[in-house]
Amino acid sequence: MYGDSETVRRILTETGDTWAVVGLSSNRSRAAWGVASVLQRFGKRIVPVHPKAETVHGEKGYASLAEIPFPVDVVDVFVNSELAGGVADEAVAVGARAVWFQLGVVDEAAYERTRAAGLEMVMDRCPAIEIPSLR
C-alpha cells in the first residue's frame, strides 16, 4: 500500500511544516485550493507551485520547485499521474523530506525512486482528509 497510516501520520506530524503544493493556483474550484486552505488551518505553511506563479492564500507562488529560495519539507502533488513522477524527482533534487501524491495520482516507479532516495512518500491519499483525524 502506498499510504499506510503510520507514514501518513509521520508526514503530517513529524516531517515539517513547509508544504510546496504543486498545481496550486488561484482557481478556487480546484481541489488544490481547498486542500491548501485546510493545511494552513492546521498550521502548515503552503508554497504555491504553478507555471503562473500566483500568490495564493497570502503565500507567494513559484513556477517550479527549483525556484523556491528556501527548504520545503513536503511536496504535495496535484498534477496527473503522467507528470507526477517528474515532480517527485524534482522533490528529491531540491532536498524535500517527503512527497505526497493526491487522490488518483499513482506512479509506482516514482514511488520506488523516491523511497530509494530516502524520502517518505504517500500516493492516492489526501492530507485534508487525513489531518483532522490526527488532532
Protein backbone atom coordinates (compact mmCIF):
# COMPACT_ATOMS: atom_id res chain seq x y z
CA MET A 1 0.00 0.00 0.00
CA TYR A 2 1.22 3.48 -0.88
CA GLY A 3 -0.12 5.30 2.12
CA ASP A 4 -0.06 3.26 5.30
CA SER A 5 -1.42 5.10 8.31
CA GLU A 6 1.95 5.31 10.08
CA THR A 7 3.63 7.00 7.08
CA VAL A 8 0.66 9.37 6.74
CA ARG A 9 0.93 10.26 10.43
CA ARG A 10 4.71 10.82 10.24
CA ILE A 11 4.45 13.11 7.22
CA LEU A 12 1.65 15.15 8.78
CA THR A 13 3.12 15.43 12.28
CA GLU A 14 6.91 14.98 12.12
CA THR A 15 8.22 15.82 8.66
CA GLY A 16 7.95 19.60 8.86
CA ASP A 17 5.50 22.39 8.25
CA THR A 18 6.52 23.83 4.87
CA TRP A 19 4.44 22.25 2.11
CA ALA A 20 5.04 23.04 -1.56
CA VAL A 21 1.69 22.46 -3.28
CA VAL A 22 2.40 21.67 -6.94
CA GLY A 23 -0.55 22.63 -9.13
CA LEU A 24 -1.92 25.23 -6.70
CA SER A 25 -3.36 28.28 -8.43
CA SER A 26 -5.89 30.94 -7.50
CA ASN A 27 -8.68 28.86 -9.08
CA ARG A 28 -10.99 28.27 -6.12
CA SER A 29 -12.82 25.45 -7.88
CA ARG A 30 -9.72 23.24 -7.98
CA ALA A 31 -9.07 20.68 -5.24
CA ALA A 32 -5.59 22.08 -4.58
CA TRP A 33 -7.07 25.41 -3.47
CA GLY A 34 -9.27 23.80 -0.80
CA VAL A 35 -6.62 21.35 0.40
CA ALA A 36 -4.06 24.16 0.77
CA SER A 37 -6.59 26.08 2.85
CA VAL A 38 -7.05 23.10 5.18
CA LEU A 39 -3.28 22.65 5.50
CA GLN A 40 -2.96 26.31 6.51
CA ARG A 41 -5.69 25.94 9.13
CA PHE A 42 -3.67 23.09 10.65
CA GLY A 43 -0.52 25.21 10.87
CA LYS A 44 1.28 24.30 7.65
CA ARG A 45 2.98 26.93 5.54
CA ILE A 46 1.89 26.37 1.96
CA VAL A 47 4.00 27.36 -1.03
CA PRO A 48 2.10 27.54 -4.34
CA VAL A 49 3.94 25.94 -7.26
CA HIS A 50 2.32 26.59 -10.63
CA PRO A 51 3.53 27.88 -14.02
CA LYS A 52 1.62 31.14 -13.35
CA ALA A 53 3.47 31.60 -10.01
CA GLU A 54 0.40 33.21 -8.45
CA THR A 55 0.06 34.33 -4.84
CA VAL A 56 -2.50 32.03 -3.22
CA HIS A 57 -3.82 32.12 0.36
CA GLY A 58 -1.41 35.01 1.00
CA GLU A 59 1.67 32.99 0.02
CA LYS A 60 3.95 33.91 -2.90
CA GLY A 61 3.91 31.37 -5.71
CA TYR A 62 6.80 29.94 -7.71
CA ALA A 63 6.84 28.50 -11.22
CA SER A 64 8.79 25.39 -10.14
CA LEU A 65 10.16 23.65 -7.07
CA ALA A 66 13.69 24.66 -8.09
CA GLU A 67 12.75 28.36 -7.86
CA ILE A 68 11.72 28.21 -4.19
CA PRO A 69 14.55 30.00 -2.33
CA PHE A 70 14.09 28.15 0.98
CA PRO A 71 13.79 24.50 2.04
CA VAL A 72 10.47 22.69 1.69
CA ASP A 73 9.58 19.71 3.84
CA VAL A 74 6.76 18.10 1.88
CA VAL A 75 5.86 18.30 -1.81
CA ASP A 76 2.10 17.83 -2.28
CA VAL A 77 1.40 16.90 -5.89
CA PHE A 78 -1.80 17.92 -7.71
CA VAL A 79 -0.80 17.01 -11.26
CA ASN A 80 -1.86 13.96 -13.25
CA SER A 81 -0.07 10.66 -12.84
CA GLU A 82 1.83 11.08 -16.12
CA LEU A 83 3.53 14.24 -14.81
CA ALA A 84 3.77 13.30 -11.14
CA GLY A 85 6.92 11.19 -11.43
CA GLY A 86 8.88 14.16 -12.73
CA VAL A 87 7.65 16.24 -9.81
CA ALA A 88 8.74 13.52 -7.38
CA ASP A 89 12.20 13.55 -8.96
CA GLU A 90 12.32 17.36 -8.56
CA ALA A 91 11.33 16.95 -4.90
CA VAL A 92 14.31 14.65 -4.38
CA ALA A 93 16.57 17.12 -6.21
CA VAL A 94 15.55 20.08 -4.02
CA GLY A 95 16.02 18.13 -0.79
CA ALA A 96 12.40 17.71 0.29
CA ARG A 97 11.77 15.23 3.09
CA ALA A 98 8.52 13.73 1.77
CA VAL A 99 6.30 13.55 -1.30
CA TRP A 100 2.51 13.30 -1.21
CA PHE A 101 0.58 12.31 -4.34
CA GLN A 102 -3.07 13.33 -4.13
CA LEU A 103 -6.13 11.13 -4.64
CA GLY A 104 -6.00 9.47 -8.04
CA VAL A 105 -2.30 10.20 -8.56
CA VAL A 106 -0.28 6.99 -8.73
CA ASP A 107 3.14 6.25 -10.21
CA GLU A 108 4.70 3.11 -8.77
CA ALA A 109 8.11 3.71 -10.39
CA ALA A 110 8.24 7.22 -8.90
CA TYR A 111 7.29 5.76 -5.52
CA GLU A 112 10.20 3.32 -5.70
CA ARG A 113 12.68 6.02 -6.81
CA THR A 114 11.54 8.45 -4.14
CA ARG A 115 11.68 5.89 -1.34
CA ALA A 116 15.10 4.69 -2.57
CA ALA A 117 16.31 8.31 -2.26
CA GLY A 118 15.31 8.24 1.41
CA LEU A 119 12.10 10.27 1.30
CA GLU A 120 8.78 9.36 2.87
CA MET A 121 6.01 9.03 0.30
CA VAL A 122 2.25 8.61 0.12
CA MET A 123 0.17 8.14 -3.03
CA ASP A 124 -3.57 8.30 -3.71
CA ARG A 125 -4.42 9.94 -0.37
CA CYS A 126 -5.46 13.47 0.65
CA PRO A 127 -3.88 15.30 3.58
CA ALA A 128 -7.03 17.41 4.06
CA ILE A 129 -8.93 14.17 4.75
CA GLU A 130 -6.20 12.68 6.96
CA ILE A 131 -5.01 15.62 9.08
CA PRO A 132 -8.21 16.30 11.08
CA SER A 133 -8.18 12.75 12.45
CA LEU A 134 -4.69 13.28 13.91
CA ARG A 135 -5.71 16.04 16.31
